[in-house]
Protein backbone atom coordinates (compact mmCIF):
# COMPACT_ATOMS: atom_id res chain seq x y z
CA UNK A 1 5.92 -15.64 8.84
CA UNK A 2 8.77 -14.77 6.49
CA UNK A 3 10.77 -11.20 7.94
CA UNK A 4 13.57 -10.28 4.73
CA UNK A 5 15.01 -6.99 3.99
CA UNK A 6 16.52 -6.70 0.68
CA UNK A 7 18.64 -4.13 -0.43
CA UNK A 8 17.16 -4.40 -3.94
CA UNK A 9 20.78 -1.74 -5.40
CA UNK A 10 23.24 -2.74 -3.26
CA UNK A 11 23.67 0.81 -1.77
CA UNK A 12 21.03 0.62 1.05
CA UNK A 13 19.30 3.15 -0.57
CA UNK A 14 16.47 1.14 -1.79
CA UNK A 15 15.22 -1.35 1.25
CA UNK A 16 12.16 -3.56 1.18
CA UNK A 17 11.13 -5.41 4.56
CA UNK A 18 8.78 -8.76 3.96
CA UNK A 19 6.01 -9.74 6.64
CA UNK A 20 5.24 -12.35 4.71
CA UNK A 21 2.65 -14.75 6.12
CA UNK A 22 4.05 -18.46 6.56
CA UNK A 23 1.20 -20.42 8.74
CA UNK A 24 -1.03 -23.32 7.91
CA UNK A 25 -2.70 -26.09 9.63
CA UNK A 26 -0.87 -29.06 7.10
CA UNK A 27 2.83 -28.85 6.83
CA UNK A 28 3.77 -28.60 3.51
CA UNK A 29 0.42 -26.73 2.00
CA UNK A 30 0.39 -22.76 1.63
CA UNK A 31 -2.31 -20.58 0.58
CA UNK A 32 -1.45 -17.84 -1.92
CA UNK A 33 -2.84 -14.96 -0.61
CA UNK A 34 -2.66 -10.94 -1.21
CA UNK A 35 -0.74 -8.60 -0.63
CA UNK A 36 0.40 -4.83 -0.35
CA UNK A 37 3.19 -2.67 -0.53
CA UNK A 38 3.11 -0.12 2.07
CA UNK A 39 4.84 2.85 1.03
CA UNK A 40 5.27 5.72 3.56
CA UNK A 41 5.45 9.90 3.16
CA UNK A 42 7.74 11.98 4.40
CA UNK A 43 7.93 15.05 1.31
CA UNK A 44 10.47 12.84 -0.74
CA UNK A 45 12.78 13.63 2.75
CA UNK A 46 12.90 10.98 4.92
CA UNK A 47 10.54 7.98 5.91
CA UNK A 48 7.74 8.40 7.97
CA UNK A 49 8.14 5.79 10.51
CA UNK A 50 4.14 6.23 11.59
CA UNK A 51 3.64 5.53 8.33
CA UNK A 52 5.08 2.21 7.73
CA UNK A 53 5.93 -1.10 9.44
CA UNK A 54 2.12 -0.11 11.88
CA UNK A 55 0.74 0.07 8.51
CA UNK A 56 2.19 -3.45 7.17
CA UNK A 57 1.82 -5.12 10.75
CA UNK A 58 -1.79 -3.62 10.67
CA UNK A 59 -2.84 -5.28 7.12
CA UNK A 60 -0.40 -8.21 7.91
CA UNK A 61 -3.11 -8.77 10.59
CA UNK A 62 -5.91 -8.63 8.55
CA UNK A 63 -4.53 -12.27 6.32
CA UNK A 64 -2.29 -10.14 4.13
CA UNK A 65 1.19 -10.47 2.70
CA UNK A 66 2.72 -7.09 3.85
CA UNK A 67 5.46 -5.33 2.55
CA UNK A 68 7.26 -2.41 3.09
CA UNK A 69 9.43 -0.27 0.55
CA UNK A 70 12.17 2.42 1.63
CA UNK A 71 11.97 3.80 -1.93
CA UNK A 72 14.47 6.86 -3.55
CA UNK A 73 13.84 9.80 -1.43
CA UNK A 74 16.67 13.49 -1.51
CA UNK A 75 19.00 13.40 -2.82
CA UNK A 76 18.57 10.39 -4.81
CA UNK A 77 14.00 11.62 -5.42
CA UNK A 78 14.49 12.76 -9.39
CA UNK A 79 11.20 11.47 -11.04
CA UNK A 80 10.71 8.46 -11.76
CA UNK A 81 13.49 7.62 -9.77
CA UNK A 82 10.73 6.39 -6.74
CA UNK A 83 8.04 4.84 -9.42
CA UNK A 84 10.56 3.07 -11.21
CA UNK A 85 11.43 1.80 -7.15
CA UNK A 86 8.25 0.17 -6.66
CA UNK A 87 7.60 -1.14 -9.82
CA UNK A 88 11.20 -2.93 -8.85
CA UNK A 89 9.56 -4.02 -5.70
CA UNK A 90 6.72 -5.20 -7.16
CA UNK A 91 8.61 -7.52 -10.18
CA UNK A 92 10.76 -8.65 -7.51
CA UNK A 93 7.95 -10.10 -5.39
CA UNK A 94 6.00 -11.21 -8.56
CA UNK A 95 8.92 -13.30 -9.12
CA UNK A 96 9.21 -14.87 -5.53
CA UNK A 97 5.29 -15.38 -5.56
CA UNK A 98 5.58 -19.30 -5.13
CA UNK A 99 8.25 -19.32 -2.68
CA UNK A 100 6.11 -16.34 -0.22
CA UNK A 101 2.64 -17.89 -1.00
CA UNK A 102 2.29 -14.46 -3.31
CA UNK A 103 -0.76 -14.34 -5.29
CA UNK A 104 0.99 -12.12 -8.20
CA UNK A 105 -1.94 -10.85 -9.56
CA UNK A 106 -3.66 -9.49 -5.98
CA UNK A 107 -0.98 -6.99 -5.75
CA UNK A 108 -2.27 -3.69 -3.85
CA UNK A 109 0.56 -0.44 -3.27
CA UNK A 110 -0.67 1.97 -0.24
CA UNK A 111 1.02 4.98 -0.38
CA UNK A 112 0.10 8.12 2.72
CA UNK A 113 1.26 11.57 1.48
CA UNK A 114 4.34 11.59 -1.19
CA UNK A 115 3.83 8.05 -0.86
CA UNK A 116 0.47 8.48 -1.90
CA UNK A 117 2.00 10.56 -4.98
CA UNK A 118 4.70 7.54 -5.43
CA UNK A 119 2.00 5.37 -5.92
CA UNK A 120 -0.21 6.66 -8.04
CA UNK A 121 2.58 7.85 -10.66
CA UNK A 122 2.80 3.86 -10.45
CA UNK A 123 -0.68 3.41 -11.07
CA UNK A 124 -0.89 5.38 -13.79
CA UNK A 125 2.66 5.35 -15.04
CA UNK A 126 3.72 1.95 -14.69
CA UNK A 127 3.15 1.59 -18.52
CA UNK A 128 5.55 4.56 -19.92
CA UNK A 129 8.84 4.35 -21.36
CA UNK A 130 10.43 6.28 -18.82
CA UNK A 131 9.47 4.43 -16.51
CA UNK A 132 10.11 0.77 -17.75
CA UNK A 133 12.91 1.92 -18.80
CA UNK A 134 14.52 3.11 -15.42
CA UNK A 135 12.47 0.20 -12.99
CA UNK A 136 14.08 -2.82 -15.99
CA UNK A 137 10.66 -3.97 -15.76
CA UNK A 138 8.39 -5.54 -19.35
CA UNK A 139 4.69 -5.03 -19.93
CA UNK A 140 2.83 -5.54 -16.41
CA UNK A 141 5.64 -6.87 -14.52
CA UNK A 142 5.82 -3.46 -12.83
CA UNK A 143 1.92 -3.23 -12.82
CA UNK A 144 -0.13 -2.85 -9.08
CA UNK A 145 -4.01 -3.63 -8.96
CA UNK A 146 -5.16 -1.44 -6.89
CA UNK A 147 -4.41 1.13 -4.49
CA UNK A 148 -4.75 2.21 -1.46
CA UNK A 149 -4.23 6.40 -1.37
CA UNK A 150 -4.01 8.23 1.55
CA UNK A 151 -4.30 11.90 2.07
CA UNK A 152 -2.10 11.66 -1.16
CA UNK A 153 0.24 14.37 -2.97
CA UNK A 154 -1.88 14.10 -6.72
CA UNK A 155 -0.86 17.77 -9.23
CA UNK A 156 1.94 19.34 -8.79
CA UNK A 157 0.82 21.95 -6.96
CA UNK A 158 4.00 24.52 -7.29
CA UNK A 159 2.62 26.69 -5.94
CA UNK A 160 1.82 25.34 -2.38
CA UNK A 161 4.56 22.94 -2.35
CA UNK A 162 7.30 23.57 -4.65
CA UNK A 163 10.18 23.07 -2.21
CA UNK A 164 9.44 19.62 -1.89
CA UNK A 165 8.73 19.02 -5.91
CA UNK A 166 12.59 21.13 -6.67
CA UNK A 167 13.46 17.24 -5.19
CA UNK A 168 11.90 15.84 -8.14
CA UNK A 169 12.60 17.94 -11.04
CA UNK A 170 16.09 17.15 -11.16
CA UNK A 171 17.14 19.45 -14.79
CA UNK A 172 13.86 20.21 -15.64
CA UNK A 173 11.59 23.38 -14.63
CA UNK A 174 8.33 22.67 -12.40
CA UNK A 175 6.59 23.52 -15.23
CA UNK A 176 8.04 20.47 -16.95
CA UNK A 177 7.46 18.46 -14.10
CA UNK A 178 3.57 19.11 -13.36
CA UNK A 179 3.12 17.53 -16.65
CA UNK A 180 4.80 14.73 -16.13
CA UNK A 181 5.00 13.95 -13.13
CA UNK A 182 0.81 15.07 -12.21
CA UNK A 183 -0.51 11.99 -11.28
CA UNK A 184 -4.09 13.35 -13.02
CA UNK A 185 -2.63 13.21 -15.76
CA UNK A 186 -2.25 9.94 -16.93
CA UNK A 187 -5.32 7.87 -15.78
CA UNK A 188 -5.99 6.23 -17.99
CA UNK A 189 -7.56 2.42 -18.62
CA UNK A 190 -4.33 0.98 -17.55
CA UNK A 191 -5.24 2.08 -14.25
CA UNK A 192 -6.21 -0.11 -11.55
CA UNK A 193 -9.43 0.19 -8.94
CA UNK A 194 -8.64 3.07 -6.26
CA UNK A 195 -9.47 3.09 -2.73
CA UNK A 196 -8.94 7.36 -2.06
CA UNK A 197 -9.15 8.63 1.63
CA UNK A 198 -8.29 12.10 2.61
CA UNK A 199 -9.49 15.24 4.90
CA UNK A 200 -11.57 18.00 4.55
CA UNK A 201 -9.13 20.14 6.48
CA UNK A 202 -5.90 18.58 5.84
CA UNK A 203 -3.03 22.00 5.57
CA UNK A 204 -0.30 19.92 3.92
CA UNK A 205 -2.14 18.15 1.09
CA UNK A 206 -5.29 20.85 0.22
CA UNK A 207 -8.53 18.38 -0.45
CA UNK A 208 -8.16 19.51 -4.19
CA UNK A 209 -5.93 17.00 -4.45
CA UNK A 210 -7.79 14.29 -4.40
CA UNK A 211 -10.80 16.00 -6.58
CA UNK A 212 -8.55 16.23 -9.23
CA UNK A 213 -7.94 12.82 -8.89
CA UNK A 214 -11.67 11.87 -8.73
CA UNK A 215 -12.71 13.79 -11.52
CA UNK A 216 -9.41 12.12 -14.11
CA UNK A 217 -10.64 8.72 -12.54
CA UNK A 218 -14.32 9.04 -13.09
CA UNK A 219 -13.39 10.53 -16.66
CA UNK A 220 -11.42 7.54 -17.95
CA UNK A 221 -14.46 4.81 -16.00
CA UNK A 222 -11.73 3.66 -13.15
CA UNK A 223 -13.63 2.07 -10.41
CA UNK A 224 -12.40 4.08 -6.76
CA UNK A 225 -13.90 4.49 -3.39
CA UNK A 226 -14.02 7.41 -1.44
CA UNK A 227 -14.26 8.70 2.24
CA UNK A 228 -13.17 11.97 2.64
CA UNK A 229 -13.67 13.61 6.81
CA UNK A 230 -14.29 16.63 7.46
CA UNK A 231 -11.74 16.71 10.69
CA UNK A 232 -8.72 14.66 10.73
CA UNK A 233 -5.01 16.27 10.84
CA UNK A 234 -2.32 15.18 8.39
CA UNK A 235 0.18 11.98 8.27
CA UNK A 236 -1.88 10.70 10.62
CA UNK A 237 -1.69 7.49 9.38
CA UNK A 238 -4.33 4.69 11.08
CA UNK A 239 -5.21 6.92 13.36
CA UNK A 240 -5.02 5.25 16.62
CA UNK A 241 -2.08 4.93 19.58
CA UNK A 242 -0.55 2.61 17.28
CA UNK A 243 0.98 5.37 14.79
CA UNK A 244 0.19 8.70 17.09
CA UNK A 245 3.77 8.61 18.55
CA UNK A 246 1.83 9.86 21.14
CA UNK A 247 0.12 12.77 19.43
CA UNK A 248 -3.45 12.87 20.26
CA UNK A 249 -4.15 14.82 17.18
CA UNK A 250 -3.36 11.85 14.84
CA UNK A 251 -6.16 9.32 16.81
CA UNK A 252 -9.11 9.87 15.59
CA UNK A 253 -11.68 6.92 16.02
CA UNK A 254 -14.01 8.17 12.65
CA UNK A 255 -10.79 8.28 10.91
CA UNK A 256 -9.55 5.27 11.68
CA UNK A 257 -12.32 3.41 10.58
CA UNK A 258 -10.47 3.82 6.74
CA UNK A 259 -8.34 0.64 7.73
CA UNK A 260 -11.42 -1.68 7.66
CA UNK A 261 -13.59 0.19 4.94
CA UNK A 262 -10.23 -0.49 3.17
CA UNK A 263 -10.31 -4.21 3.75
CA UNK A 264 -14.00 -4.29 2.86
CA UNK A 265 -12.94 -2.92 -0.39
CA UNK A 266 -10.21 -5.30 -1.15
CA UNK A 267 -12.67 -8.07 -0.70
CA UNK A 268 -14.36 -6.32 -3.25
CA UNK A 269 -11.68 -5.70 -5.85
CA UNK A 270 -9.25 -9.11 -5.09
CA UNK A 271 -12.39 -11.34 -3.62
CA UNK A 272 -12.29 -12.72 -0.02
CA UNK A 273 -9.14 -14.13 1.64
CA UNK A 274 -9.90 -17.70 0.75
CA UNK A 275 -7.01 -19.93 2.37
CA UNK A 276 -7.64 -23.78 0.17
CA UNK A 277 -5.88 -25.29 2.50
CA UNK A 278 -7.63 -28.27 4.79
CA UNK A 279 -8.50 -27.28 7.82
CA UNK A 280 -6.99 -30.50 9.67
CA UNK A 281 -5.94 -30.89 12.82
CA UNK A 282 -8.44 -28.35 14.21
CA UNK A 283 -10.74 -28.71 17.04
CA UNK A 284 -13.71 -28.07 16.61
CA UNK A 285 -14.72 -25.09 17.95
CA UNK A 286 -18.80 -25.97 17.82
CA UNK A 287 -17.56 -28.87 20.18
CA UNK A 288 -16.20 -29.53 23.46
CA UNK A 289 -16.25 -28.34 26.94
CA UNK A 290 -19.63 -25.79 27.09
CA UNK A 291 -19.55 -26.23 31.31
CA UNK A 292 -17.58 -27.55 34.52
CA UNK A 293 -18.72 -31.26 34.50
CA UNK A 294 -18.82 -31.59 30.85
CA UNK A 295 -15.59 -33.98 29.93
CA UNK A 296 -13.00 -32.36 27.74
CA UNK A 297 -12.82 -33.91 24.42
CA UNK A 298 -9.94 -36.43 23.77
CA UNK A 299 -6.84 -35.88 22.53
CA UNK A 300 -6.96 -36.24 18.58
CA UNK A 301 -6.43 -39.17 16.98
CA UNK A 302 -8.18 -41.59 19.58
CA UNK A 303 -11.99 -43.15 19.74
């Protein structure tokens, strides 16, 4: 596995961590894998630990190249800085796709809560002039090929989360920000397919955020899949002990199914993970010792 820590701007403000598959049965022959860039939440104030590396490891364990991006947060969160960070990271990953065995046309974003807002902004606004200018991207260099959104912030909810969105507003009013940074306003044919999961009883991001997004996606004929769980906790990430940090409220086996469903959905969008590597030097699993007293297979290369 290739694990690198890349400082996108040279000031330790935005960091990209890589977890890139680097194993093969034939030396020098590596498959081009799909990849997932994980964007943790944290209300644009801090990077959520539980929504970062545990999720990246889950995708890596499923055979994807995984990346974790610590995007701009306060005091650097003024819109569209965080979205531009993601576009810049996608451009960098694509520029190193041959070196990393990354398929440049199969890159998904996976964002949670505020990170879901960032991912949604990138997926719907990657082609806007302000985002292109801030990211330094051209054409589709910063476009994701799929979006995975976990209990995402979608609309700029001034009444509910005004304090958080003031971190994005800069010199703008919150009303101005609501127009330019609400994801549902910018959905279009340029938006990639979306996997959305959220929680009906979420006390932090109301379920209406997801409903607004689904309505916009349906109106613009953007394919999507949604799983809304009746009970669960915000910031629950994988909903397993791997990400709960010991909090039983963030362990829910029903909600944990989102990851399995998401990987199945990615196969629909990206196709099955075909490694395209000759399976040399592999012992046939259907032959050999089944019981004691049966001779073992001879060493490889012998008659």
